[in-house]
Amino acid sequence: MRKIQSPAVFVIVILTMFNSIGQHKKNPIEGRWNITIDHNGNPASSWLEIKPWGFTKVGRFLHTGGYPRPLSTINVENNNFEFSVPWNSENRKLKVRGTLKGRHLNGTIYYPDGKSYLWTADRAPELAYESSPTWDAPINLFNGQNLEGWHTTGPNQWIAKNGVLMSPKPGSNLISDVKFMNFKLHIEFRYPEHGNSGVYLRGRYEVQIDDSKGKGTDYDVLGSIFGFLEPLQVVAKNPDSWQTFDITLIGRRVTVEANGIVIIDNQSIPGITGGALDSQEAKPGPFVLQGDHHPIEFRNIIVMPMKSEK
């Protein structure tokens, strides 16, 4: 007579079968990628995440601006892949094709108007984290009198007056001449009703400035890392009030204190946000003050670099 296995043995066998089925052999195209699109000699920064979901691939794609878009399906065949995302209200789509070659990706991005551009990508770096940093002496990035130490992305509309750095109308973004990697930043700002601006860390990660009083938490309210990290709560004051950010960035980990309250606590930033100057995440970068949306004012821009980097 055949011996019947005990229920416990049967359960172990079934679990072992499910575990073996669930084991995933990582495809080398998986991960996060920093993309540079060649717009006829003008580089534009983009970002892609590819990850497994059962027997298919899913992910997120950030074009040169806006939010990262979810990808419900990424078609993969050997070292080649493609996906598409909605592009406008007419349901036309932007298509991206890519190929893994060695440690890099390259491919073509196709726009609904018939234009296409080549792109290349490197794997996003891990970025080392220091849990017990020491800080150097504070550096005042704005002298309160003029734009010394800053430059614009185009025609300049920024002015300095009575210790305040002002963009009285929409125009160019303002970029610090000095670049930093890991740091603490204190900055004060004021916006009008419905105001919208931002502070880019390393020129790549936008901390959102927005007239958000009364709004719920989201990826585009005051203090969010635009499109990626939403704050624990919305602490915006009334428009035309001076407000503060105290931001610590070490590696990928960011802490944002807005108006004296920690709203993002040591969270990891997945990748560059829309409008990033470049996608070279392993390198130091400047601060960028966004001036292309609404009037905005800043003052007391003070940074403390991590001491080991001096």
Protein backbone atom coordinates (compact mmCIF):
# COMPACT_ATOMS: atom_id res chain seq x y z
CA MET A 1 0.00 0.00 0.00
CA ARG A 2 1.34 3.48 -0.94
CA LYS A 3 2.33 5.52 2.07
CA ILE A 4 0.39 8.79 2.30
CA GLN A 5 2.52 11.79 3.09
CA SER A 6 1.57 13.83 6.12
CA PRO A 7 -0.26 17.16 5.54
CA ALA A 8 2.80 19.06 6.80
CA VAL A 9 5.04 17.46 4.17
CA PHE A 10 2.46 18.19 1.46
CA VAL A 11 2.35 21.88 2.44
CA ILE A 12 6.15 22.13 2.37
CA VAL A 13 6.24 20.61 -1.13
CA ILE A 14 3.59 23.05 -2.42
CA LEU A 15 5.36 26.06 -0.87
CA THR A 16 8.66 24.96 -2.41
CA MET A 17 6.99 24.76 -5.82
CA PHE A 18 5.51 28.26 -5.47
CA ASN A 19 8.84 29.67 -4.30
CA SER A 20 10.65 28.22 -7.29
CA ILE A 21 8.02 29.65 -9.63
CA GLY A 22 8.22 33.04 -7.91
CA GLN A 23 11.98 33.25 -8.09
CA HIS A 24 12.92 35.97 -10.52
CA LYS A 25 16.04 36.03 -12.61
CA LYS A 26 16.76 39.71 -13.06
CA ASN A 27 16.87 40.95 -16.62
CA PRO A 28 19.81 43.36 -17.08
CA ILE A 29 17.50 46.03 -18.49
CA GLU A 30 15.70 46.26 -15.15
CA GLY A 31 16.47 49.15 -12.83
CA ARG A 32 16.51 52.93 -13.00
CA TRP A 33 18.12 54.72 -15.91
CA ASN A 34 19.17 58.32 -16.47
CA ILE A 35 18.40 59.29 -20.04
CA THR A 36 19.79 62.04 -22.25
CA ILE A 37 17.70 62.84 -25.32
CA ASP A 38 19.54 64.48 -28.19
CA HIS A 39 17.24 67.20 -29.52
CA ASN A 40 19.36 68.10 -32.54
CA GLY A 41 22.42 68.80 -30.42
CA ASN A 42 20.51 70.14 -27.42
CA PRO A 43 20.57 67.55 -24.61
CA ALA A 44 17.42 67.05 -22.54
CA SER A 45 17.21 64.98 -19.35
CA SER A 46 14.77 62.12 -18.88
CA TRP A 47 14.36 59.10 -16.58
CA LEU A 48 13.15 55.52 -16.82
CA GLU A 49 12.40 52.77 -14.33
CA ILE A 50 11.90 49.15 -15.44
CA LYS A 51 10.87 46.43 -12.99
CA PRO A 52 9.29 42.97 -13.13
CA TRP A 53 5.60 42.23 -12.63
CA GLY A 54 4.84 38.54 -12.93
CA PHE A 55 5.87 37.52 -16.44
CA THR A 56 5.98 41.05 -17.82
CA LYS A 57 7.72 44.36 -17.12
CA VAL A 58 6.23 47.57 -15.76
CA GLY A 59 7.74 50.85 -14.65
CA ARG A 60 7.72 54.63 -14.81
CA PHE A 61 8.88 57.11 -17.41
CA LEU A 62 9.67 60.79 -16.93
CA HIS A 63 9.88 62.84 -20.09
CA THR A 64 11.75 66.16 -19.88
CA GLY A 65 9.07 67.75 -17.69
CA GLY A 66 6.01 67.01 -15.61
CA TYR A 67 5.34 63.86 -13.63
CA PRO A 68 6.82 60.39 -14.02
CA ARG A 69 4.17 58.40 -15.90
CA PRO A 70 3.28 54.82 -14.91
CA LEU A 71 4.00 52.14 -17.50
CA SER A 72 1.56 49.24 -17.24
CA THR A 73 3.40 47.24 -19.92
CA ILE A 74 6.95 47.36 -21.25
CA ASN A 75 7.39 44.95 -24.14
CA VAL A 76 10.73 43.16 -23.87
CA GLU A 77 12.38 40.81 -26.34
CA ASN A 78 15.94 39.78 -25.58
CA ASN A 79 17.85 43.05 -25.09
CA ASN A 80 15.25 45.18 -26.84
CA PHE A 81 12.21 46.88 -25.35
CA GLU A 82 9.52 49.39 -26.20
CA PHE A 83 6.62 51.19 -24.55
CA SER A 84 4.27 54.06 -25.23
CA VAL A 85 2.53 56.73 -23.15
CA PRO A 86 -0.45 58.99 -23.90
CA TRP A 87 0.74 62.34 -25.25
CA ASN A 88 -2.31 64.57 -25.64
CA SER A 89 -6.09 64.76 -25.40
CA GLU A 90 -6.42 63.28 -28.90
CA ASN A 91 -5.13 59.99 -27.46
CA ARG A 92 -2.01 60.19 -29.58
CA LYS A 93 1.00 58.47 -28.07
CA LEU A 94 4.70 58.96 -27.60
CA LYS A 95 6.66 55.78 -28.30
CA VAL A 96 10.06 54.83 -26.89
CA ARG A 97 12.28 52.04 -28.18
CA GLY A 98 15.53 50.97 -26.59
CA THR A 99 18.31 48.39 -26.65
CA LEU A 100 20.76 47.27 -23.98
CA LYS A 101 24.33 47.41 -25.24
CA GLY A 102 26.88 46.51 -22.60
CA ARG A 103 26.17 48.66 -19.55
CA HIS A 104 24.20 51.29 -21.42
CA LEU A 105 20.86 51.75 -23.11
CA ASN A 106 20.29 53.59 -26.33
CA GLY A 107 17.31 54.04 -28.56
CA THR A 108 14.86 56.36 -30.25
CA ILE A 109 11.92 58.38 -28.99
CA TYR A 110 9.07 58.93 -31.47
CA TYR A 111 6.68 61.88 -31.14
CA PRO A 112 3.13 61.97 -32.54
CA ASP A 113 4.05 64.80 -34.91
CA GLY A 114 6.44 62.49 -36.74
CA LYS A 115 9.66 63.78 -35.20
CA SER A 116 12.08 61.35 -33.59
CA TYR A 117 15.27 61.75 -31.57
CA LEU A 118 18.03 59.47 -30.41
CA TRP A 119 18.70 58.91 -26.73
CA THR A 120 21.27 57.22 -24.51
CA ALA A 121 21.06 56.14 -20.87
CA ASP A 122 23.29 55.14 -17.98
CA ARG A 123 22.18 53.21 -14.95
CA ALA A 124 21.27 55.54 -12.09
CA PRO A 125 23.94 55.49 -9.35
CA GLU A 126 23.22 54.35 -5.79
CA LEU A 127 24.69 57.52 -4.14
CA ALA A 128 26.38 56.91 -0.79
CA TYR A 129 24.63 57.91 2.44
CA GLU A 130 26.39 59.23 5.55
CA SER A 131 24.40 58.57 8.72
CA SER A 132 26.52 60.77 11.01
CA PRO A 133 27.57 63.78 8.92
CA THR A 134 29.45 66.82 10.12
CA TRP A 135 28.88 70.19 8.53
CA ASP A 136 31.11 72.99 7.37
CA ALA A 137 30.57 76.67 8.07
CA PRO A 138 27.44 78.27 6.57
CA ILE A 139 27.75 79.92 3.16
CA ASN A 140 25.41 82.76 2.27
CA LEU A 141 24.61 82.34 -1.41
CA PHE A 142 22.79 85.68 -1.77
CA ASN A 143 24.52 88.88 -0.71
CA GLY A 144 21.27 90.84 -0.57
CA GLN A 145 22.50 93.50 -3.01
CA ASN A 146 22.93 91.98 -6.48
CA LEU A 147 23.01 88.74 -8.46
CA GLU A 148 26.69 88.02 -7.86
CA GLY A 149 27.17 84.24 -7.71
CA TRP A 150 24.14 83.50 -9.87
CA HIS A 151 23.31 83.27 -13.56
CA THR A 152 20.12 82.74 -15.55
CA THR A 153 19.02 80.22 -18.16
CA GLY A 154 18.04 83.02 -20.56
CA PRO A 155 17.14 86.73 -20.54
CA ASN A 156 17.27 87.95 -16.95
CA GLN A 157 14.20 89.26 -15.14
CA TRP A 158 15.61 88.74 -11.60
CA ILE A 159 16.45 91.73 -9.39
CA ALA A 160 17.88 92.21 -5.90
CA LYS A 161 16.29 94.83 -3.69
CA ASN A 162 16.41 95.46 0.07
CA GLY A 163 17.84 92.01 0.81
CA VAL A 164 15.27 90.21 -1.34
CA LEU A 165 15.88 88.27 -4.56
CA MET A 166 12.85 88.81 -6.80
CA SER A 167 11.46 87.51 -10.05
CA PRO A 168 8.65 90.05 -10.61
CA LYS A 169 7.33 88.29 -13.70
CA PRO A 170 7.65 84.86 -15.33
CA GLY A 171 10.95 84.38 -17.14
CA SER A 172 14.24 82.55 -16.71
CA ASN A 173 15.31 80.26 -13.91
CA LEU A 174 18.19 81.39 -11.69
CA ILE A 175 21.18 79.08 -11.13
CA SER A 176 23.89 79.28 -8.47
CA ASP A 177 27.46 79.39 -9.77
CA VAL A 178 28.62 77.12 -6.93
CA LYS A 179 27.78 73.42 -6.97
CA PHE A 180 27.20 71.11 -4.01
CA MET A 181 26.71 67.39 -3.39
CA ASN A 182 25.58 66.82 0.21
CA PHE A 183 24.35 69.76 2.26
CA LYS A 184 21.88 71.50 4.52
CA LEU A 185 19.96 74.37 2.93
CA HIS A 186 17.96 77.14 4.58
CA ILE A 187 15.90 79.31 2.26
CA GLU A 188 13.01 81.72 2.75
CA PHE A 189 10.43 82.51 0.09
CA ARG A 190 7.20 84.38 -0.57
CA TYR A 191 4.67 83.96 -3.37
CA PRO A 192 1.40 85.64 -4.38
CA GLU A 193 -2.00 83.96 -4.52
CA HIS A 194 -1.89 80.89 -6.80
CA GLY A 195 1.91 81.21 -6.87
CA ASN A 196 4.06 78.37 -8.14
CA SER A 197 7.84 77.98 -8.12
CA GLY A 198 10.46 75.54 -6.88
CA VAL A 199 13.96 75.00 -5.56
CA TYR A 200 16.06 72.42 -7.42
CA LEU A 201 18.65 70.54 -5.36
CA ARG A 202 21.83 69.77 -7.35
CA GLY A 203 19.83 71.17 -10.26
CA ARG A 204 17.98 67.83 -10.47
CA TYR A 205 15.37 67.42 -7.72
CA GLU A 206 12.61 70.00 -7.42
CA VAL A 207 11.25 70.85 -3.98
CA GLN A 208 7.87 72.30 -4.90
CA ILE A 209 6.76 75.80 -3.91
CA ASP A 210 3.02 76.18 -4.34
CA ASP A 211 0.08 78.10 -2.88
CA SER A 212 -1.14 74.95 -1.15
CA LYS A 213 -2.98 76.11 1.96
CA GLY A 214 -6.17 74.06 2.28
CA LYS A 215 -5.03 71.36 -0.16
CA GLY A 216 -4.54 67.70 0.67
CA THR A 217 -1.18 65.96 0.47
CA ASP A 218 -0.04 65.17 -3.06
CA TYR A 219 3.06 65.03 -5.23
CA ASP A 220 2.80 68.69 -6.29
CA VAL A 221 1.99 70.61 -3.09
CA LEU A 222 4.31 72.75 -0.99
CA GLY A 223 7.39 70.81 0.08
CA SER A 224 6.85 67.77 -2.13
CA ILE A 225 9.66 66.35 -4.24
CA PHE A 226 7.75 67.04 -7.43
CA GLY A 227 6.14 63.92 -8.85
CA PHE A 228 7.91 61.50 -6.48
CA LEU A 229 7.56 62.21 -2.73
CA GLU A 230 4.52 63.78 -1.12
CA PRO A 231 4.73 65.53 2.27
CA LEU A 232 3.28 64.06 5.45
CA GLN A 233 1.10 67.14 5.76
CA VAL A 234 0.51 70.47 4.05
CA VAL A 235 1.89 73.32 6.18
CA ALA A 236 1.63 76.20 3.69
CA LYS A 237 0.86 79.65 5.06
CA ASN A 238 -1.29 82.28 3.41
CA PRO A 239 0.09 83.72 0.17
CA ASP A 240 2.24 86.85 0.56
CA SER A 241 3.65 85.41 3.83
CA TRP A 242 7.32 84.64 4.28
CA GLN A 243 7.86 80.88 4.57
CA THR A 244 10.89 78.63 5.09
CA PHE A 245 12.47 75.43 3.89
CA ASP A 246 15.23 73.67 5.80
CA ILE A 247 16.40 70.83 3.59
CA THR A 248 19.03 68.15 4.16
CA LEU A 249 20.22 66.10 1.18
CA ILE A 250 22.73 63.26 1.61
CA GLY A 251 23.08 60.83 -1.27
CA ARG A 252 19.49 60.19 -2.35
CA ARG A 253 17.98 60.79 1.07
CA VAL A 254 16.17 64.03 1.68
CA THR A 255 14.58 65.62 4.71
CA VAL A 256 12.34 68.64 4.17
CA GLU A 257 11.29 70.86 7.04
CA ALA A 258 8.75 73.47 5.96
CA ASN A 259 7.79 76.31 8.26
CA GLY A 260 9.41 74.49 11.17
CA ILE A 261 7.67 71.13 10.62
CA VAL A 262 9.31 68.01 9.16
CA ILE A 263 7.13 66.97 6.22
CA ILE A 264 9.52 64.56 4.44
CA ASP A 265 11.70 62.55 6.78
CA ASN A 266 14.87 60.96 5.36
CA GLN A 267 13.17 59.58 2.26
CA SER A 268 14.96 58.33 -0.86
CA ILE A 269 14.47 60.31 -4.08
CA PRO A 270 14.00 57.75 -6.90
CA GLY A 271 15.34 59.94 -9.70
CA ILE A 272 15.55 63.31 -11.35
CA THR A 273 12.40 65.40 -11.50
CA GLY A 274 10.95 67.23 -14.51
CA GLY A 275 12.99 70.20 -15.64
CA ALA A 276 16.31 68.89 -14.29
CA LEU A 277 19.40 70.60 -15.69
CA ASP A 278 21.01 67.22 -16.35
CA SER A 279 20.81 63.59 -15.26
CA GLN A 280 24.39 63.26 -13.98
CA GLU A 281 23.30 62.26 -10.48
CA ALA A 282 26.74 61.21 -9.23
CA LYS A 283 28.08 64.76 -9.66
CA PRO A 284 27.58 67.89 -7.52
CA GLY A 285 25.09 70.38 -8.91
CA PRO A 286 23.84 73.93 -8.36
CA PHE A 287 20.71 75.29 -6.77
CA VAL A 288 18.09 76.41 -9.25
CA LEU A 289 15.33 78.87 -8.35
CA GLN A 290 12.36 78.47 -10.64
CA GLY A 291 11.21 81.72 -12.21
CA ASP A 292 9.23 80.55 -15.22
CA HIS A 293 5.75 80.30 -13.64
CA HIS A 294 4.73 83.15 -11.32
CA PRO A 295 6.32 86.05 -9.44
CA ILE A 296 8.45 84.77 -6.54
CA GLU A 297 10.75 86.22 -3.86
CA PHE A 298 13.62 84.63 -1.94
CA ARG A 299 15.91 85.73 0.88
CA ASN A 300 18.42 84.26 3.38
CA ILE A 301 19.74 81.49 1.13
CA ILE A 302 22.27 79.71 3.34
CA VAL A 303 23.94 76.35 2.68
CA MET A 304 26.18 74.17 4.86
CA PRO A 305 28.14 71.57 2.84
CA MET A 306 28.95 68.23 4.40
CA LYS A 307 32.38 68.69 5.96
CA SER A 308 34.08 65.61 4.49
CA GLU A 309 33.57 67.09 0.99
CA LYS A 310 35.42 70.36 1.62
